[in-house]
Protein backbone atom coordinates (compact mmCIF):
# COMPACT_ATOMS: atom_id res chain seq x y z
CA UNK A 1 198.82 8.48 138.77
CA UNK A 2 194.74 8.89 136.33
CA UNK A 3 193.84 5.80 137.91
CA UNK A 4 195.09 3.74 134.61
CA UNK A 5 195.77 0.37 134.46
CA UNK A 6 199.18 -1.78 133.43
CA UNK A 7 197.43 -2.47 129.97
CA UNK A 8 196.98 1.23 129.63
CA UNK A 9 199.98 2.17 130.66
CA UNK A 10 201.92 -0.15 128.19
CA UNK A 11 200.17 0.71 125.46
CA UNK A 12 200.92 4.47 126.17
CA UNK A 13 205.11 3.74 126.49
CA UNK A 14 204.52 1.90 123.34
CA UNK A 15 203.15 5.23 121.49
CA UNK A 16 205.67 7.56 123.58
CA UNK A 17 208.50 5.12 122.17
CA UNK A 18 207.60 5.27 118.02
CA UNK A 19 207.17 9.30 118.90
CA UNK A 20 210.94 9.13 120.67
CA UNK A 21 211.99 7.39 117.47
CA UNK A 22 210.51 10.18 115.41
CA UNK A 23 211.09 13.49 116.95
CA UNK A 24 214.73 13.50 115.98
CA UNK A 25 213.59 13.28 112.44
CA UNK A 26 211.60 17.30 113.02
CA UNK A 27 213.65 19.26 112.10
CA UNK A 28 213.84 17.72 108.72
CA UNK A 29 210.53 17.37 108.13
CA UNK A 30 210.29 21.04 108.39
CA UNK A 31 213.35 22.09 105.93
CA UNK A 32 211.68 19.29 103.52
CA UNK A 33 207.80 20.41 103.29
CA UNK A 34 206.78 17.92 106.16
CA UNK A 35 208.40 14.49 104.46
CA UNK A 36 210.66 12.20 105.81
CA UNK A 37 213.39 10.15 104.04
CA UNK A 38 211.82 7.42 102.17
CA UNK A 39 212.82 4.41 104.70
CA UNK A 40 212.62 6.12 107.89
CA UNK A 41 209.22 6.93 106.88
CA UNK A 42 208.43 3.27 105.37
CA UNK A 43 211.12 2.09 108.81
CA UNK A 44 208.38 4.10 110.79
CA UNK A 45 205.18 2.55 109.35
CA UNK A 46 206.83 -0.75 109.52
CA UNK A 47 206.83 -0.33 113.80
CA UNK A 48 203.31 0.44 114.36
CA UNK A 49 201.78 -3.37 113.81
CA UNK A 50 205.33 -4.26 115.62
CA UNK A 51 203.82 -2.21 118.88
CA UNK A 52 200.52 -2.99 118.23
CA UNK A 53 199.23 0.63 117.85
CA UNK A 54 197.33 -0.18 114.23
CA UNK A 55 193.46 1.56 114.18
CA UNK A 56 192.95 1.51 117.72
CA UNK A 57 190.01 2.24 117.50
CA UNK A 58 188.61 0.04 115.25
CA UNK A 59 187.15 -3.78 116.89
CA UNK A 60 189.46 -6.77 116.80
CA UNK A 61 187.46 -9.01 114.76
CA UNK A 62 188.04 -6.36 111.15
CA UNK A 63 192.07 -6.16 112.37
CA UNK A 64 191.51 -3.48 114.65
CA UNK A 65 193.00 -2.76 118.30
CA UNK A 66 189.27 -2.90 119.83
CA UNK A 67 190.88 -0.15 122.54
CA UNK A 68 188.54 1.73 124.95
CA UNK A 69 188.77 4.96 124.39
CA UNK A 70 190.72 6.20 127.13
CA UNK A 71 193.20 4.12 125.38
CA UNK A 72 193.36 5.46 122.25
CA UNK A 73 193.06 9.08 123.97
CA UNK A 74 196.24 7.90 125.40
CA UNK A 75 198.13 6.87 122.27
CA UNK A 76 197.18 9.95 120.22
CA UNK A 77 198.23 12.16 123.08
CA UNK A 78 201.24 10.64 122.06
CA UNK A 79 200.95 11.38 118.14
CA UNK A 80 200.43 15.33 119.84
CA UNK A 81 203.90 15.09 121.46
CA UNK A 82 205.37 15.46 117.73
CA UNK A 83 205.51 18.14 115.32
CA UNK A 84 204.92 18.54 111.56
CA UNK A 85 202.40 15.37 111.16
CA UNK A 86 205.16 12.85 111.78
CA UNK A 87 202.87 10.61 114.26
CA UNK A 88 199.75 11.40 111.51
CA UNK A 89 200.11 7.47 110.14
CA UNK A 90 198.86 5.99 113.46
CA UNK A 91 195.87 6.63 111.73
CA UNK A 92 192.04 6.05 113.35
CA UNK A 93 189.64 4.88 111.02
CA UNK A 94 185.65 5.61 110.59
CA UNK A 95 184.86 3.80 113.63
CA UNK A 96 181.34 4.74 113.29
CA UNK A 97 181.70 2.46 109.80
CA UNK A 98 182.35 -0.95 111.57
CA UNK A 99 178.81 -0.80 112.05
CA UNK A 100 177.30 0.40 109.05
CA UNK A 101 179.38 -0.68 106.22
CA UNK A 102 177.60 -3.11 104.71
CA UNK A 103 179.86 -6.63 103.28
CA UNK A 104 181.35 -5.30 100.19
CA UNK A 105 181.86 -2.32 101.93
CA UNK A 106 183.57 -4.14 104.60
CA UNK A 107 185.90 -6.14 102.28
CA UNK A 108 186.66 -2.96 99.70
CA UNK A 109 187.38 -0.20 101.70
CA UNK A 110 186.92 -0.77 105.74
CA UNK A 111 188.89 -3.73 105.80
CA UNK A 112 192.19 -2.87 103.65
CA UNK A 113 192.38 0.33 105.64
CA UNK A 114 192.12 -0.95 108.72
CA UNK A 115 195.15 -2.92 107.44
CA UNK A 116 196.96 -0.04 106.94
CA UNK A 117 196.45 -0.70 102.97
CA UNK A 118 194.14 1.82 102.16
CA UNK A 119 193.08 5.34 103.36
CA UNK A 120 190.54 7.95 103.06
CA UNK A 121 189.44 11.80 103.75
CA UNK A 122 186.96 13.78 104.04
CA UNK A 123 185.12 16.00 101.49
CA UNK A 124 182.79 17.68 104.16
CA UNK A 125 183.59 21.70 104.12
CA UNK A 126 182.69 24.00 101.95
CA UNK A 127 183.53 27.63 101.54
CA UNK A 128 180.12 28.36 102.76
CA UNK A 129 180.26 25.65 105.58
CA UNK A 130 182.53 24.99 107.99
CA UNK A 131 181.46 24.25 111.76
CA UNK A 132 177.75 23.90 110.77
CA UNK A 133 177.92 21.37 108.22
CA UNK A 134 173.94 21.45 107.84
CA UNK A 135 175.09 24.69 105.43
CA UNK A 136 176.68 22.07 103.10
CA UNK A 137 175.23 22.79 99.73
CA UNK A 138 176.65 20.17 97.61
CA UNK A 139 174.23 17.96 95.94
CA UNK A 140 173.59 13.69 95.98
CA UNK A 141 171.00 13.48 92.42
CA UNK A 142 169.85 10.21 91.78
CA UNK A 143 169.91 8.79 88.97
CA UNK A 144 169.31 4.95 87.51
CA UNK A 145 170.92 2.68 89.62
CA UNK A 146 173.22 4.76 91.25
CA UNK A 147 174.15 8.79 92.08
CA UNK A 148 175.96 12.11 90.81
CA UNK A 149 177.62 14.08 93.10
CA UNK A 150 178.06 17.99 92.51
CA UNK A 151 180.28 20.46 94.56
CA UNK A 152 183.68 22.05 95.96
CA UNK A 153 184.48 20.90 99.20
CA UNK A 154 187.28 22.95 100.98
CA UNK A 155 190.32 21.48 103.48
CA UNK A 156 189.97 18.31 102.12
CA UNK A 157 192.79 17.10 104.95
CA UNK A 158 195.01 14.18 103.98
CA UNK A 159 193.49 14.38 100.38
CA UNK A 160 197.25 13.35 98.80
CA UNK A 161 197.83 9.90 100.87
CA UNK A 162 194.08 9.05 100.50
CA UNK A 163 193.02 6.76 97.41
CA UNK A 164 189.43 7.08 98.46
CA UNK A 165 187.02 9.82 99.71
CA UNK A 166 183.72 10.70 101.62
CA UNK A 167 181.46 12.90 99.89
CA UNK A 168 178.74 14.44 101.91
CA UNK A 169 175.71 16.08 99.97
CA UNK A 170 172.28 16.85 100.04
CA UNK A 171 170.03 14.99 98.17
CA UNK A 172 168.20 16.63 96.19
CA UNK A 173 164.78 14.23 94.90
CA UNK A 174 163.78 11.32 96.41
CA UNK A 175 161.44 10.81 100.16
CA UNK A 176 164.93 11.67 101.24
CA UNK A 177 165.39 15.37 99.11
CA UNK A 178 166.85 17.60 101.43
CA UNK A 179 168.59 15.59 104.02
CA UNK A 180 171.94 14.73 103.48
CA UNK A 181 174.16 11.60 102.42
CA UNK A 182 177.32 10.52 102.69
CA UNK A 183 179.30 8.32 99.66
CA UNK A 184 183.19 6.76 99.24
CA UNK A 185 184.47 8.20 96.36
CA UNK A 186 187.91 6.38 94.64
CA UNK A 187 190.88 8.43 93.66
CA UNK A 188 191.26 9.20 91.20
CA UNK A 189 187.42 9.30 90.13
CA UNK A 190 186.58 11.26 86.69
CA UNK A 191 185.23 14.66 88.06
CA UNK A 192 187.51 15.03 90.91
CA UNK A 193 189.91 17.31 90.68
CA UNK A 194 192.11 19.42 92.74
CA UNK A 195 190.88 23.91 92.48
CA UNK A 196 193.58 24.88 93.80
CA UNK A 197 196.34 23.55 97.25
CA UNK A 198 196.84 26.47 99.45
CA UNK A 199 199.66 26.75 101.61
CA UNK A 200 198.92 26.66 105.57
CA UNK A 201 200.92 27.70 108.53
CA UNK A 202 202.44 24.70 109.36
CA UNK A 203 205.06 22.39 107.75
CA UNK A 204 202.82 19.47 107.27
CA UNK A 205 203.11 16.72 104.41
CA UNK A 206 199.53 16.43 104.76
CA UNK A 207 197.76 18.57 101.95
CA UNK A 208 194.09 20.09 101.82
CA UNK A 209 193.32 20.88 98.81
CA UNK A 210 190.45 22.95 97.41
CA UNK A 211 188.18 19.85 95.50
CA UNK A 212 185.44 19.98 92.71
CA UNK A 213 182.76 17.42 91.98
CA UNK A 214 181.68 17.50 89.10
CA UNK A 215 178.87 15.46 87.75
CA UNK A 216 180.94 12.66 89.78
CA UNK A 217 179.24 8.89 89.55
CA UNK A 218 178.87 6.54 91.85
CA UNK A 219 177.00 3.58 92.00
CA UNK A 220 173.91 3.34 94.95
CA UNK A 221 176.40 0.29 96.67
CA UNK A 222 178.76 3.89 97.81
CA UNK A 223 176.16 5.32 100.05
CA UNK A 224 176.97 4.59 103.32
CA UNK A 225 173.75 3.82 105.56
CA UNK A 226 170.36 4.95 104.52
CA UNK A 227 169.47 8.52 102.49
CA UNK A 228 169.70 10.94 105.33
CA UNK A 229 171.89 9.06 106.96
CA UNK A 230 174.31 11.63 106.54
CA UNK A 231 174.69 14.02 109.20
CA UNK A 232 174.28 11.34 111.93
CA UNK A 233 177.94 9.89 110.50
CA UNK A 234 179.27 12.90 110.20
CA UNK A 235 177.90 14.03 113.87
CA UNK A 236 179.80 11.07 115.01
CA UNK A 237 182.89 12.18 113.60
CA UNK A 238 183.09 15.27 114.60
CA UNK A 239 182.76 13.69 118.52
CA UNK A 240 185.25 10.80 118.23
CA UNK A 241 187.72 13.77 116.40
CA UNK A 242 187.16 16.44 118.81
CA UNK A 243 188.48 13.84 121.78
CA UNK A 244 191.30 12.80 119.25
CA UNK A 245 192.23 16.81 119.21
CA UNK A 246 192.09 17.14 122.33
CA UNK A 247 194.35 14.79 122.89
CA UNK A 248 196.55 15.17 120.72
CA UNK A 249 196.85 18.89 122.78
CA UNK A 250 197.59 17.70 125.55
CA UNK A 251 200.46 15.35 123.70
CA UNK A 252 201.78 18.86 122.61
CA UNK A 253 201.20 20.91 125.58
CA UNK A 254 202.86 17.94 127.62
CA UNK A 255 205.87 18.40 125.54
CA UNK A 256 206.63 22.36 125.35
CA UNK A 257 206.59 21.93 129.15
CA UNK A 258 209.10 19.39 129.54
CA UNK A 259 211.02 21.17 126.87
CA UNK A 260 210.49 24.64 128.24
CA UNK A 261 211.37 23.42 131.52
CA UNK A 262 214.70 21.51 130.61
CA UNK A 263 216.14 24.90 129.36
CA UNK A 264 215.00 27.13 131.80
CA UNK A 265 216.88 25.30 134.49
CA UNK A 266 219.39 25.16 132.13
CA UNK A 267 219.71 28.35 130.56
CA UNK A 268 221.83 31.09 133.07
CA UNK A 269 221.00 34.83 133.06
CA UNK A 270 223.08 36.68 135.99
CA UNK A 271 224.20 33.68 137.45
CA UNK A 272 220.79 31.97 138.49
CA UNK A 273 218.91 29.31 135.83
CA UNK A 274 216.39 31.09 134.04
CA UNK A 275 213.99 29.12 135.88
CA UNK A 276 214.32 30.47 139.52
CA UNK A 277 213.08 34.04 137.72
CA UNK A 278 209.70 34.31 139.48
CA UNK A 279 208.00 35.85 135.58
CA UNK A 280 209.69 32.75 134.05
CA UNK A 281 208.96 30.26 136.52
CA UNK A 282 204.87 31.41 136.79
CA UNK A 283 204.57 30.73 132.93
CA UNK A 284 205.72 27.65 133.48
CA UNK A 285 204.17 26.73 136.66
CA UNK A 286 201.36 28.34 134.76
CA UNK A 287 201.44 25.95 132.38
CA UNK A 288 201.91 22.91 134.62
CA UNK A 289 198.38 23.45 136.13
CA UNK A 290 196.85 24.16 133.17
CA UNK A 291 198.49 20.67 131.87
CA UNK A 292 196.85 18.95 134.43
CA UNK A 293 193.60 20.25 134.69
CA UNK A 294 192.87 19.50 130.07
CA UNK A 295 194.94 15.70 131.05
CA UNK A 296 192.03 15.03 133.90
CA UNK A 297 189.40 16.36 132.03
CA UNK A 298 190.18 14.28 128.91
CA UNK A 299 190.52 11.18 130.70
CA UNK A 300 187.53 11.33 132.78
CA UNK A 301 185.49 12.11 129.42
CA UNK A 302 186.68 9.03 128.02
CA UNK A 303 185.81 6.68 130.95
CA UNK A 304 182.54 8.22 130.11
CA UNK A 305 182.42 7.35 126.68
CA UNK A 306 183.59 3.57 127.74
CA UNK A 307 180.70 3.20 130.38
CA UNK A 308 177.92 4.24 128.44
CA UNK A 309 177.26 7.65 129.28
CA UNK A 310 174.67 9.47 127.77
CA UNK A 311 175.42 10.21 124.09
CA UNK A 312 174.48 13.79 124.46
CA UNK A 313 176.11 14.03 126.97
CA UNK A 314 179.06 12.51 125.63
CA UNK A 315 179.00 14.77 123.16
CA UNK A 316 178.72 18.03 125.07
CA UNK A 317 181.85 16.96 127.43
CA UNK A 318 183.64 16.09 123.34
CA UNK A 319 182.60 19.91 122.54
CA UNK A 320 184.35 20.60 126.75
CA UNK A 321 187.30 18.89 126.23
CA UNK A 322 188.48 19.67 122.83
CA UNK A 323 187.63 23.83 123.55
CA UNK A 324 189.34 23.36 126.80
CA UNK A 325 192.22 21.39 125.56
CA UNK A 326 192.81 22.89 122.47
CA UNK A 327 193.06 26.28 123.70
CA UNK A 328 195.55 25.30 126.93
CA UNK A 329 197.68 24.21 124.62
CA UNK A 330 197.78 27.12 122.28
CA UNK A 331 198.19 29.08 126.40
CA UNK A 332 201.11 26.51 127.22
CA UNK A 333 202.84 27.15 123.24
CA UNK A 334 202.66 30.86 123.65
CA UNK A 335 204.42 30.88 126.91
CA UNK A 336 207.06 28.67 125.82
CA UNK A 337 208.21 30.83 122.67
CA UNK A 338 208.58 33.15 125.49
CA UNK A 339 210.58 31.13 127.71
CA UNK A 340 213.12 29.99 124.84
CA UNK A 341 212.97 33.76 124.00
CA UNK A 342 214.57 34.71 120.54
CA UNK A 343 215.35 30.78 120.27
CA UNK A 344 211.74 30.23 120.12
CA UNK A 345 211.49 31.92 117.11
CA UNK A 346 213.53 29.81 115.12
CA UNK A 347 211.65 26.98 113.59
CA UNK A 348 214.66 24.48 114.76
CA UNK A 349 212.63 25.24 117.93
CA UNK A 350 210.46 22.88 118.88
CA UNK A 351 207.71 26.05 120.66
CA UNK A 352 208.19 27.75 117.61
CA UNK A 353 206.80 25.00 115.29
CA UNK A 354 203.57 24.11 117.64
CA UNK A 355 202.71 27.58 118.30
CA UNK A 356 202.45 27.59 114.38
CA UNK A 357 200.35 24.10 114.54
CA UNK A 358 198.67 24.01 117.71
CA UNK A 359 196.66 27.25 116.00
CA UNK A 360 194.54 25.31 114.01
CA UNK A 361 193.27 22.75 117.02
CA UNK A 362 190.56 26.00 117.59
CA UNK A 363 189.39 25.97 114.37
CA UNK A 364 189.18 22.33 112.92
CA UNK A 365 186.26 19.89 114.01
CA UNK A 366 184.17 22.92 115.14
CA UNK A 367 185.44 26.39 116.48
CA UNK A 368 185.88 26.91 120.15
CA UNK A 369 183.25 29.34 119.31
CA UNK A 370 180.58 25.98 118.43
CA UNK A 371 181.97 24.11 121.23
CA UNK A 372 180.74 27.12 123.43
CA UNK A 373 176.95 27.57 121.76
CA UNK A 374 176.54 23.75 121.95
CA UNK A 375 178.01 23.60 125.63
CA UNK A 376 175.67 26.45 126.48
CA UNK A 377 172.68 24.66 125.15
CA UNK A 378 173.48 21.58 127.10
CA UNK A 379 173.69 23.83 130.43
CA UNK A 380 170.14 25.47 129.08
CA UNK A 381 168.64 21.74 128.87
CA UNK A 382 170.16 19.71 131.25
CA UNK A 383 172.43 21.93 133.81
CA UNK A 384 175.56 22.05 134.80
CA UNK A 385 175.50 19.01 137.01
CA UNK A 386 175.13 16.50 134.39
CA UNK A 387 178.26 17.74 132.47
CA UNK A 388 180.71 18.31 134.91
């Protein structure tokens, strides 16, 4: 099904195997602020290398998996099957960086990240700059042979696990003044501090704090690409991450459908399996149909990237799959809670956890509304035939 090769299926199976090993630990994580016992976490991380799941999106010459976009989607789909972010360590370092990193950046940050020895986070979003990063007001001022960075960033996901951060700011002077630049900032660094660490709906061991950058000094060697290139890298990151969000949503929906179907088949009400009650069966049927549509769309769009489809079309289809798959997963989660009934409202139940966790998928990496704006603009410029 879906035209997957033998190699694709083998990679998918290995990722699923890791997920199956972690699923029994979900309730423990829920009760312990998203954390696993240290020995379990260490064993799981070792399995990433054993199963060939390390940095699937990075070139083989850097130590990555050198996988196709379709294969990356297949792996992240399995990551999405597991609640509490327990498979987030199956990481995908910034793919765009491989093409622009200097030799120093490659050896200092990129190669160790691919090897799993270092980890990153992004400081882009601000209080007044969410889905549209053009509204960023954080600044980067040239001073001597380096830059001084200032700004307050919100939702800096995985900050507590990172040892360096990407900071995007507006250049205040020079030929590219008003343009954006992206910098690497090691953690800890003087001037970088957590303002507050808000609690979120989900129970993950990955925090999303508000982080202040106060007169943070970095050398010019920490700038990625040229002055004014920052938005280019952000757009590439958003495009990639929208595929990964869509993949994880498909994985979550698939897990929910399996669990809800098994429960409805075994639960007997009035002498009849719950799944034979038409209103319950209809919810499962709708979920199956939407999952099939979402997965088919996602795989086709990923193949388009592998085939070198026009970059503007890739961008539009990334928005399309992120929009549809995230909203589909939300509907499936809502139905699953309903099928489980009172059990579905208990935190020990997979449907309850996904009901909370999946809500953010319609927000981060660009809200559903932003995806619709992008798609409408592309329809106006290119017509439906180019996108569909």
